[in-house]
């Protein structure tokens, strides 16, 4: 009896059993009017899957394909449908982006960039904070956020240590760490390359409507939001968390490290050339017609060629973040499950019908608020997009709104950093015990308000020119 009691109190047991219990409860409840039994099972499977991914009783790289394949015996998908929904364009694109991010790190550019930022601060805490936020945001717009965080985090810790800061009691230290976390996550909104949620959104739009958003069109709306948001992020920390340090110490140490790096290496030059051409091809995809997935994989292949060897699969495959890649595949598959079984249409008619009669600007505002709230039960951006984007596309159809504009607002607003910076810095910063989730909320609400205002402004101006309204 005692052993059973102790087992029930074991958090690992709870994390393992709770998703199964939730699934069984949701499937045994009376089927709501307008929803089919298959739709009810699909909804239950998605809820159980999201719980499993969040609590991680088993590794995400195992649990995600498991839940996708469980849709087959549940009668939701055929095996072919399950595999095609999982291994879609978004999956391939994110895989390529992860490989490019590893190549960026292996080239040696990461520490050079971080030290260059410090050398340009002039010992000013405010200037250093701005430079770190801007670098995190801009680099994360074309590279995965975690490698960029890995690039900046060690230098931030060195600066904090040299200035004798106790992170828990130092506004300067917390601003620096939260600043790079916020910048990394928010940078993902700008072009499709920046976040797993973006290619997921594009794939959902294409599956549902046949419409495609090009790299340039996405960037034309997202980049102005990001560029204008960078000073807003910086001001939120300067005003709400003013630095107790007036002049930074130990800057000569970093200047000496910069000198020791010497001139730019051959690998650094090769990466810059290949990635520069990749960016050019991404931004001109409407001209040459080559998809971003193809361009990205060609870029990875070129960087892997003998004589270049910036990326080497045998050497670097251990650094691939399979959790992030699998989550994208799972997110798009979950979205396809809910759409195919009619759950999305039912949900939209039951709970979002009133949105279809709103003025366009008010609809966009409501989408932003819903996406922000969704971060709490669904912290992964791709999961939130996969769950809610199809429902908002149904609202767009009911209200005769342009689905491309609606999907853009859904994807951009999922980056609002009330909770999201905690997700971004969790694998590194939070795991060190330096900060916790609530640390991000003090400035997060201010940044979220600024982001929403900028999203609406960009959509109603640039989006109008692109015929997204």
Protein backbone atom coordinates (compact mmCIF):
# COMPACT_ATOMS: atom_id res chain seq x y z
CA UNK A 1 0.00 0.00 0.00
CA UNK A 2 2.85 2.32 0.89
CA UNK A 3 4.61 1.57 -2.40
CA UNK A 4 1.43 2.41 -4.37
CA UNK A 5 1.04 5.67 -2.45
CA UNK A 6 4.64 6.68 -3.06
CA UNK A 7 4.29 5.79 -6.74
CA UNK A 8 1.23 8.04 -7.09
CA UNK A 9 3.15 10.90 -5.50
CA UNK A 10 6.07 10.42 -7.89
CA UNK A 11 6.15 13.33 -10.41
CA UNK A 12 7.50 10.99 -13.11
CA UNK A 13 4.49 8.72 -12.69
CA UNK A 14 2.13 11.70 -12.93
CA UNK A 15 3.82 13.00 -16.08
CA UNK A 16 3.53 9.57 -17.65
CA UNK A 17 -0.07 8.73 -16.72
CA UNK A 18 -1.79 12.14 -16.89
CA UNK A 19 -1.83 12.44 -20.72
CA UNK A 20 -3.32 8.93 -20.97
CA UNK A 21 -5.99 9.76 -18.37
CA UNK A 22 -6.85 13.03 -20.14
CA UNK A 23 -7.17 11.19 -23.46
CA UNK A 24 -9.50 8.56 -21.98
CA UNK A 25 -11.66 11.15 -20.21
CA UNK A 26 -12.02 13.29 -23.34
CA UNK A 27 -12.96 10.32 -25.50
CA UNK A 28 -15.46 8.92 -22.98
CA UNK A 29 -17.33 12.20 -22.55
CA UNK A 30 -20.52 12.64 -24.62
CA UNK A 31 -19.63 13.84 -28.11
CA UNK A 32 -20.53 17.55 -28.42
CA UNK A 33 -23.21 18.45 -30.94
CA UNK A 34 -21.67 19.17 -34.32
CA UNK A 35 -18.54 17.11 -33.62
CA UNK A 36 -18.04 13.55 -34.87
CA UNK A 37 -16.60 10.73 -32.70
CA UNK A 38 -13.48 10.74 -34.92
CA UNK A 39 -13.13 14.48 -34.34
CA UNK A 40 -13.49 13.93 -30.60
CA UNK A 41 -10.68 11.35 -30.69
CA UNK A 42 -8.51 13.70 -32.73
CA UNK A 43 -9.05 16.52 -30.24
CA UNK A 44 -8.25 14.19 -27.32
CA UNK A 45 -5.10 12.93 -29.03
CA UNK A 46 -3.87 16.49 -29.69
CA UNK A 47 -4.51 17.56 -26.06
CA UNK A 48 -2.74 14.45 -24.74
CA UNK A 49 0.13 15.06 -27.15
CA UNK A 50 0.61 18.69 -26.10
CA UNK A 51 0.60 17.62 -22.43
CA UNK A 52 3.21 14.95 -23.18
CA UNK A 53 5.44 17.38 -25.08
CA UNK A 54 5.19 19.90 -22.22
CA UNK A 55 5.80 17.48 -19.32
CA UNK A 56 8.24 15.23 -21.25
CA UNK A 57 7.85 11.83 -19.54
CA UNK A 58 9.79 10.59 -22.59
CA UNK A 59 12.01 12.53 -24.97
CA UNK A 60 10.25 14.84 -27.44
CA UNK A 61 12.10 13.24 -30.35
CA UNK A 62 10.31 9.97 -29.46
CA UNK A 63 6.94 11.24 -28.26
CA UNK A 64 6.19 13.47 -31.26
CA UNK A 65 6.33 10.78 -33.99
CA UNK A 66 4.60 8.39 -31.56
CA UNK A 67 1.54 10.65 -31.27
CA UNK A 68 1.50 11.27 -35.03
CA UNK A 69 1.47 7.53 -35.69
CA UNK A 70 -1.17 6.90 -33.00
CA UNK A 71 -3.56 8.78 -35.29
CA UNK A 72 -3.54 5.71 -37.57
CA UNK A 73 -5.06 3.14 -35.14
CA UNK A 74 -7.35 5.92 -33.85
CA UNK A 75 -8.89 6.07 -37.33
CA UNK A 76 -7.89 9.70 -37.88
CA UNK A 77 -5.21 9.22 -40.55
CA UNK A 78 -4.07 6.55 -42.94
CA UNK A 79 -0.35 5.77 -42.67
CA UNK A 80 0.35 7.79 -45.82
CA UNK A 81 -1.55 10.80 -44.49
CA UNK A 82 0.26 10.62 -41.16
CA UNK A 83 3.68 10.54 -42.79
CA UNK A 84 2.96 13.27 -45.36
CA UNK A 85 1.57 15.61 -42.69
CA UNK A 86 4.63 15.02 -40.51
CA UNK A 87 7.46 15.12 -43.06
CA UNK A 88 6.20 18.17 -44.92
CA UNK A 89 7.94 21.31 -46.22
CA UNK A 90 8.12 22.89 -42.76
CA UNK A 91 9.98 19.84 -41.38
CA UNK A 92 12.58 19.96 -44.17
CA UNK A 93 13.04 23.72 -43.88
CA UNK A 94 13.61 23.65 -40.10
CA UNK A 95 16.04 20.72 -40.49
CA UNK A 96 18.06 22.76 -42.99
CA UNK A 97 17.97 25.83 -40.75
CA UNK A 98 19.29 23.86 -37.78
CA UNK A 99 22.17 22.58 -39.93
CA UNK A 100 22.95 26.12 -41.12
CA UNK A 101 22.98 27.35 -37.52
CA UNK A 102 25.47 24.62 -36.59
CA UNK A 103 27.64 25.60 -39.56
CA UNK A 104 27.52 29.20 -38.35
CA UNK A 105 28.86 28.10 -34.97
CA UNK A 106 31.50 25.75 -36.40
CA UNK A 107 32.80 28.44 -38.74
CA UNK A 108 34.13 30.37 -35.72
CA UNK A 109 32.07 33.48 -36.38
CA UNK A 110 30.06 33.25 -33.17
CA UNK A 111 32.71 34.35 -30.68
CA UNK A 112 34.12 36.93 -33.11
CA UNK A 113 30.71 38.59 -33.39
CA UNK A 114 30.09 38.50 -29.63
CA UNK A 115 33.49 40.04 -28.85
CA UNK A 116 33.02 42.66 -31.56
CA UNK A 117 29.76 43.75 -29.90
CA UNK A 118 31.49 44.16 -26.54
CA UNK A 119 34.31 46.20 -28.12
CA UNK A 120 31.77 48.65 -29.55
CA UNK A 121 30.00 49.25 -26.22
CA UNK A 122 32.61 51.69 -24.90
CA UNK A 123 31.99 50.32 -21.41
CA UNK A 124 28.44 51.71 -21.35
CA UNK A 125 25.88 49.26 -19.85
CA UNK A 126 23.02 50.82 -21.83
CA UNK A 127 24.90 50.68 -25.14
CA UNK A 128 26.03 47.12 -24.48
CA UNK A 129 22.45 46.05 -23.71
CA UNK A 130 21.17 47.64 -26.94
CA UNK A 131 23.91 46.01 -29.04
CA UNK A 132 23.25 42.57 -27.54
CA UNK A 133 19.47 42.86 -28.05
CA UNK A 134 19.87 44.08 -31.64
CA UNK A 135 22.40 41.36 -32.48
CA UNK A 136 20.25 38.63 -30.93
CA UNK A 137 17.16 39.82 -32.81
CA UNK A 138 18.79 40.34 -36.21
CA UNK A 139 20.84 37.11 -36.15
CA UNK A 140 17.78 35.11 -35.04
CA UNK A 141 15.81 36.47 -37.98
CA UNK A 142 17.86 34.28 -40.34
CA UNK A 143 19.23 31.62 -37.96
CA UNK A 144 17.74 29.41 -35.25
CA UNK A 145 17.34 31.19 -31.90
CA UNK A 146 19.13 28.68 -29.65
CA UNK A 147 22.50 28.79 -31.51
CA UNK A 148 22.38 32.60 -31.39
CA UNK A 149 21.69 32.39 -27.68
CA UNK A 150 24.62 30.00 -27.32
CA UNK A 151 26.78 32.57 -29.11
CA UNK A 152 25.90 35.45 -26.76
CA UNK A 153 25.27 33.72 -23.44
CA UNK A 154 28.90 32.89 -22.45
CA UNK A 155 30.08 36.44 -23.16
CA UNK A 156 27.19 37.82 -21.08
CA UNK A 157 28.18 35.58 -18.18
CA UNK A 158 31.80 36.73 -18.43
CA UNK A 159 30.71 40.39 -18.31
CA UNK A 160 28.40 39.73 -15.36
CA UNK A 161 31.18 37.93 -13.48
CA UNK A 162 33.79 40.63 -14.15
CA UNK A 163 31.40 43.26 -12.79
CA UNK A 164 30.74 41.28 -9.59
CA UNK A 165 26.99 41.00 -10.24
CA UNK A 166 24.69 38.66 -8.35
CA UNK A 167 22.18 37.88 -11.09
CA UNK A 168 19.20 37.54 -8.76
CA UNK A 169 19.82 41.00 -7.29
CA UNK A 170 21.21 42.81 -10.32
CA UNK A 171 19.02 44.68 -12.79
CA UNK A 172 21.97 44.91 -15.19
CA UNK A 173 22.59 41.14 -15.17
CA UNK A 174 18.91 40.26 -15.52
CA UNK A 175 18.40 42.80 -18.31
CA UNK A 176 21.35 41.40 -20.24
CA UNK A 177 20.17 37.79 -20.00
CA UNK A 178 16.50 38.57 -20.58
CA UNK A 179 17.44 40.95 -23.37
CA UNK A 180 19.26 38.33 -25.43
CA UNK A 181 16.46 35.81 -24.71
CA UNK A 182 13.77 38.25 -25.86
CA UNK A 183 15.80 39.35 -28.87
CA UNK A 184 16.45 35.75 -29.97
CA UNK A 185 12.80 34.79 -29.77
CA UNK A 186 11.38 37.95 -31.33
CA UNK A 187 13.87 37.84 -34.19
CA UNK A 188 12.13 34.73 -35.41
CA UNK A 189 9.07 36.67 -36.54
CA UNK A 190 10.78 38.69 -39.26
CA UNK A 191 11.30 36.30 -42.23
CA UNK A 192 10.21 32.64 -42.62
CA UNK A 193 13.75 31.49 -41.74
CA UNK A 194 13.64 32.84 -38.20
CA UNK A 195 11.16 30.57 -36.43
CA UNK A 196 9.69 27.09 -36.75
CA UNK A 197 6.24 28.68 -36.42
CA UNK A 198 6.69 30.57 -39.71
CA UNK A 199 7.15 27.65 -42.14
CA UNK A 200 4.46 25.82 -40.16
CA UNK A 201 2.08 28.73 -40.83
CA UNK A 202 2.98 28.83 -44.52
CA UNK A 203 2.39 25.08 -44.87
CA UNK A 204 -0.99 25.28 -43.10
CA UNK A 205 -2.06 28.15 -45.39
CA UNK A 206 -1.04 26.24 -48.51
CA UNK A 207 -2.79 23.05 -47.36
CA UNK A 208 -6.01 24.90 -46.52
CA UNK A 209 -6.23 27.47 -49.34
CA UNK A 210 -3.53 26.84 -51.94
CA UNK A 211 -2.11 30.33 -51.31
CA UNK A 212 1.63 30.87 -50.81
CA UNK A 213 3.46 33.67 -48.98
CA UNK A 214 6.91 34.32 -50.45
CA UNK A 215 10.02 34.96 -48.39
CA UNK A 216 10.12 38.59 -49.52
CA UNK A 217 6.42 39.20 -48.77
CA UNK A 218 6.81 37.79 -45.26
CA UNK A 219 9.96 39.82 -44.60
CA UNK A 220 8.34 43.00 -45.96
CA UNK A 221 5.79 42.81 -43.13
CA UNK A 222 7.89 41.19 -40.41
CA UNK A 223 11.18 43.10 -40.71
CA UNK A 224 9.73 46.59 -40.04
CA UNK A 225 8.03 45.19 -36.93
CA UNK A 226 11.30 43.69 -35.69
CA UNK A 227 13.47 46.74 -36.45
CA UNK A 228 11.08 49.10 -34.67
CA UNK A 229 10.61 46.64 -31.82
CA UNK A 230 14.33 46.46 -30.98
CA UNK A 231 14.43 49.94 -29.35
CA UNK A 232 11.14 49.13 -27.59
CA UNK A 233 12.69 46.03 -26.01
CA UNK A 234 15.74 48.06 -24.98
CA UNK A 235 13.62 50.87 -23.50
CA UNK A 236 11.54 48.40 -21.51
CA UNK A 237 14.67 47.21 -19.69
CA UNK A 238 16.19 50.70 -19.34
CA UNK A 239 12.98 52.06 -17.80
CA UNK A 240 11.66 49.09 -15.84
CA UNK A 241 14.98 47.52 -14.84
CA UNK A 242 17.52 50.41 -14.70
CA UNK A 243 21.14 49.28 -14.41
CA UNK A 244 22.87 49.78 -11.07
CA UNK A 245 26.21 49.91 -12.94
CA UNK A 246 27.33 53.16 -14.58
CA UNK A 247 30.55 51.97 -16.22
CA UNK A 248 31.51 48.39 -17.06
CA UNK A 249 34.75 46.85 -15.81
CA UNK A 250 37.01 44.33 -17.54
CA UNK A 251 36.46 45.52 -21.11
CA UNK A 252 40.20 45.41 -21.82
CA UNK A 253 40.06 41.62 -21.33
CA UNK A 254 37.56 41.25 -24.19
CA UNK A 255 39.53 43.61 -26.42
CA UNK A 256 42.59 41.39 -25.90
CA UNK A 257 40.54 38.29 -26.77
CA UNK A 258 39.40 40.03 -29.95
CA UNK A 259 43.00 40.74 -30.96
CA UNK A 260 44.00 37.12 -30.34
CA UNK A 261 41.37 35.91 -32.82
CA UNK A 262 43.39 37.55 -35.57
CA UNK A 263 42.08 38.13 -39.07
CA UNK A 264 38.95 36.41 -40.35
CA UNK A 265 39.58 32.72 -41.10
CA UNK A 266 38.98 30.78 -44.31
CA UNK A 267 36.00 28.92 -42.82
CA UNK A 268 34.44 32.17 -41.67
CA UNK A 269 34.82 33.65 -45.16
CA UNK A 270 33.34 30.56 -46.80
CA UNK A 271 30.32 30.58 -44.49
CA UNK A 272 29.70 34.28 -45.11
CA UNK A 273 29.88 33.81 -48.90
CA UNK A 274 27.56 30.77 -48.97
CA UNK A 275 25.09 32.22 -46.48
CA UNK A 276 25.09 35.59 -48.25
CA UNK A 277 24.12 33.85 -51.51
CA UNK A 278 21.49 31.86 -49.60
CA UNK A 279 19.92 35.07 -48.30
CA UNK A 280 19.90 36.53 -51.81
CA UNK A 281 18.13 33.48 -53.18
CA UNK A 282 15.64 33.43 -50.28
CA UNK A 283 14.63 37.02 -50.86
CA UNK A 284 14.24 36.54 -54.61
CA UNK A 285 12.23 33.29 -54.54
CA UNK A 286 9.39 34.95 -56.45
CA UNK A 287 11.84 35.74 -59.30
CA UNK A 288 13.54 32.36 -59.79
CA UNK A 289 10.77 30.12 -58.43
CA UNK A 290 13.06 27.88 -56.35
CA UNK A 291 11.49 27.07 -52.97
CA UNK A 292 13.18 28.10 -49.73
CA UNK A 293 13.44 24.41 -48.76
CA UNK A 294 15.47 23.60 -51.87
CA UNK A 295 17.68 26.68 -51.45
CA UNK A 296 18.35 25.86 -47.80
CA UNK A 297 19.30 22.24 -48.47
CA UNK A 298 21.58 23.28 -51.35
CA UNK A 299 23.28 25.71 -48.94
CA UNK A 300 23.83 22.94 -46.37
CA UNK A 301 25.17 20.64 -49.11
CA UNK A 302 27.62 23.28 -50.37
CA UNK A 303 28.90 23.90 -46.84
CA UNK A 304 29.45 20.12 -46.54
CA UNK A 305 31.52 19.78 -49.73
CA UNK A 306 35.13 18.51 -49.50
CA UNK A 307 37.43 21.49 -49.39
CA UNK A 308 34.76 23.61 -47.68
CA UNK A 309 33.79 21.31 -44.78
CA UNK A 310 32.17 24.02 -42.64
CA UNK A 311 29.38 21.55 -41.87
CA UNK A 312 30.17 17.84 -41.56
CA UNK A 313 27.30 15.47 -40.77
CA UNK A 314 29.44 12.76 -39.16
CA UNK A 315 31.14 15.33 -36.94
CA UNK A 316 28.22 17.68 -36.28
CA UNK A 317 25.09 15.50 -36.26
CA UNK A 318 25.27 15.16 -32.47
CA UNK A 319 24.59 18.92 -32.25
CA UNK A 320 21.36 18.73 -34.26
CA UNK A 321 18.36 19.78 -32.13
CA UNK A 322 15.98 16.99 -33.09
CA UNK A 323 13.43 18.09 -30.49
CA UNK A 324 12.81 21.36 -32.35
CA UNK A 325 12.62 19.61 -35.72
CA UNK A 326 10.23 16.91 -34.45
CA UNK A 327 8.00 19.53 -32.80
CA UNK A 328 7.51 21.24 -36.16
CA UNK A 329 6.51 17.97 -37.80
CA UNK A 330 4.17 17.18 -34.90
CA UNK A 331 2.65 20.66 -34.96
CA UNK A 332 1.75 20.53 -38.65
CA UNK A 333 0.45 16.97 -38.26
CA UNK A 334 -1.77 17.98 -35.31
CA UNK A 335 -3.13 20.89 -37.34
CA UNK A 336 -3.93 18.52 -40.20
CA UNK A 337 -5.69 16.11 -37.79
CA UNK A 338 -7.93 18.83 -36.39
CA UNK A 339 -8.71 20.19 -39.85
CA UNK A 340 -9.47 16.83 -41.49
CA UNK A 341 -11.80 15.64 -38.72
CA UNK A 342 -13.78 18.88 -38.63
CA UNK A 343 -12.66 19.93 -35.15
CA UNK A 344 -11.43 23.29 -36.45
CA UNK A 345 -14.67 24.10 -38.25
CA UNK A 346 -16.69 23.06 -35.19
CA UNK A 347 -14.50 25.11 -32.85
CA UNK A 348 -14.65 28.16 -35.12
CA UNK A 349 -18.45 28.03 -35.36
CA UNK A 350 -18.91 27.40 -31.64
CA UNK A 351 -16.42 29.87 -30.17
CA UNK A 352 -15.05 32.19 -32.85
CA UNK A 353 -18.11 32.92 -34.98
CA UNK A 354 -18.42 36.45 -33.52
CA UNK A 355 -14.89 37.25 -34.75
CA UNK A 356 -16.04 37.01 -38.37
CA UNK A 357 -18.25 40.11 -38.00
CA UNK A 358 -15.50 42.31 -36.53
CA UNK A 359 -13.77 45.11 -38.43
CA UNK A 360 -10.44 43.95 -39.84
CA UNK A 361 -8.24 45.86 -37.37
CA UNK A 362 -10.28 44.55 -34.43
CA UNK A 363 -10.04 40.99 -35.78
CA UNK A 364 -6.26 41.31 -35.96
CA UNK A 365 -6.17 42.65 -32.39
CA UNK A 366 -8.29 39.74 -31.12
CA UNK A 367 -6.03 37.23 -32.90
CA UNK A 368 -2.98 38.79 -31.19
CA UNK A 369 -4.60 38.54 -27.76
CA UNK A 370 -5.67 34.92 -28.30
CA UNK A 371 -2.20 33.93 -29.52
CA UNK A 372 -0.57 35.57 -26.49
CA UNK A 373 -2.89 33.77 -24.08
CA UNK A 374 -2.26 30.50 -25.91
CA UNK A 375 1.41 30.64 -24.89
CA UNK A 376 0.53 29.53 -21.38
CA UNK A 377 -1.06 26.15 -22.21
CA UNK A 378 0.96 25.78 -25.47
CA UNK A 379 4.40 27.35 -24.96
CA UNK A 380 5.86 26.06 -28.26
CA UNK A 381 5.14 28.58 -31.01
CA UNK A 382 4.75 25.98 -33.76
CA UNK A 383 2.26 24.06 -31.59
CA UNK A 384 0.19 27.19 -30.91
CA UNK A 385 0.13 28.03 -34.62
CA UNK A 386 -0.79 24.47 -35.64
CA UNK A 387 -3.62 24.42 -33.09
CA UNK A 388 -5.13 27.85 -33.73
CA UNK A 389 -4.18 28.88 -37.28
CA UNK A 390 -6.70 26.54 -38.96
CA UNK A 391 -9.46 27.91 -36.70
CA UNK A 392 -8.65 31.50 -37.66
CA UNK A 393 -8.54 30.48 -41.32
CA UNK A 394 -12.09 29.20 -40.86
CA UNK A 395 -13.02 32.59 -39.37
CA UNK A 396 -11.41 34.29 -42.39
CA UNK A 397 -13.58 32.20 -44.70
CA UNK A 398 -16.74 33.00 -42.71
CA UNK A 399 -15.98 36.73 -42.67
CA UNK A 400 -14.58 36.88 -46.21
CA UNK A 401 -11.16 38.07 -44.96
CA UNK A 402 -7.92 37.43 -46.84
CA UNK A 403 -6.49 34.21 -45.28
CA UNK A 404 -2.89 35.29 -46.02
CA UNK A 405 -3.27 38.38 -43.82
CA UNK A 406 -4.91 36.34 -41.06
CA UNK A 407 -2.15 33.71 -41.05
CA UNK A 408 0.52 36.44 -40.95
CA UNK A 409 -1.02 37.96 -37.81
CA UNK A 410 -1.31 34.53 -36.19
CA UNK A 411 2.37 33.76 -36.83
CA UNK A 412 3.74 37.19 -35.89
CA UNK A 413 1.77 37.50 -32.67
CA UNK A 414 2.82 34.08 -31.32
CA UNK A 415 6.22 35.68 -30.67
CA UNK A 416 4.85 38.23 -28.16
CA UNK A 417 7.18 37.64 -25.22
CA UNK A 418 5.02 37.52 -22.11
CA UNK A 419 5.97 33.88 -21.57
CA UNK A 420 8.00 33.15 -24.69
CA UNK A 421 11.39 34.51 -23.60
CA UNK A 422 11.28 31.98 -20.78
CA UNK A 423 10.84 29.28 -23.43
CA UNK A 424 13.72 30.70 -25.47
CA UNK A 425 16.22 31.02 -22.65
CA UNK A 426 15.01 27.98 -20.68
CA UNK A 427 17.41 25.42 -22.24
CA UNK A 428 20.41 27.53 -21.23
CA UNK A 429 19.72 30.43 -18.90
CA UNK A 430 16.91 29.01 -16.81
CA UNK A 431 18.65 25.64 -16.50
CA UNK A 432 21.55 27.39 -14.76
CA UNK A 433 19.19 28.65 -12.03
CA UNK A 434 20.01 32.28 -12.83
CA UNK A 435 16.44 33.27 -13.74
CA UNK A 436 12.93 31.83 -13.65
CA UNK A 437 9.87 32.14 -15.86
CA UNK A 438 8.31 35.03 -13.95
CA UNK A 439 11.49 37.10 -14.42
CA UNK A 440 10.45 37.68 -18.02
CA UNK A 441 6.98 39.01 -17.22
CA UNK A 442 7.99 42.39 -15.78
CA UNK A 443 9.13 43.71 -19.15
CA UNK A 444 7.24 41.14 -21.23
CA UNK A 445 3.85 42.83 -20.97
CA UNK A 446 5.26 46.17 -22.15
CA UNK A 447 7.07 44.52 -25.07
CA UNK A 448 3.94 42.56 -26.01
CA UNK A 449 1.85 45.73 -26.20
CA UNK A 450 4.49 47.41 -28.40
CA UNK A 451 4.67 44.34 -30.63
CA UNK A 452 0.90 44.15 -31.10
CA UNK A 453 0.77 47.85 -32.06
CA UNK A 454 3.59 47.39 -34.58
CA UNK A 455 2.03 44.22 -36.06
CA UNK A 456 -1.26 46.05 -36.63
CA UNK A 457 0.53 49.05 -38.15
CA UNK A 458 2.62 46.91 -40.50
CA UNK A 459 -0.32 44.73 -41.57
CA UNK A 460 -2.60 47.72 -42.26
CA UNK A 461 0.09 49.53 -44.30
CA UNK A 462 2.52 47.08 -45.93
CA UNK A 463 -0.10 44.32 -45.86
CA UNK A 464 -2.46 46.56 -47.79
CA UNK A 465 0.16 47.14 -50.50
CA UNK A 466 0.73 43.37 -50.76
CA UNK A 467 -3.05 42.74 -51.01
CA UNK A 468 -3.09 40.78 -47.75
CA UNK A 469 -6.16 42.63 -46.42
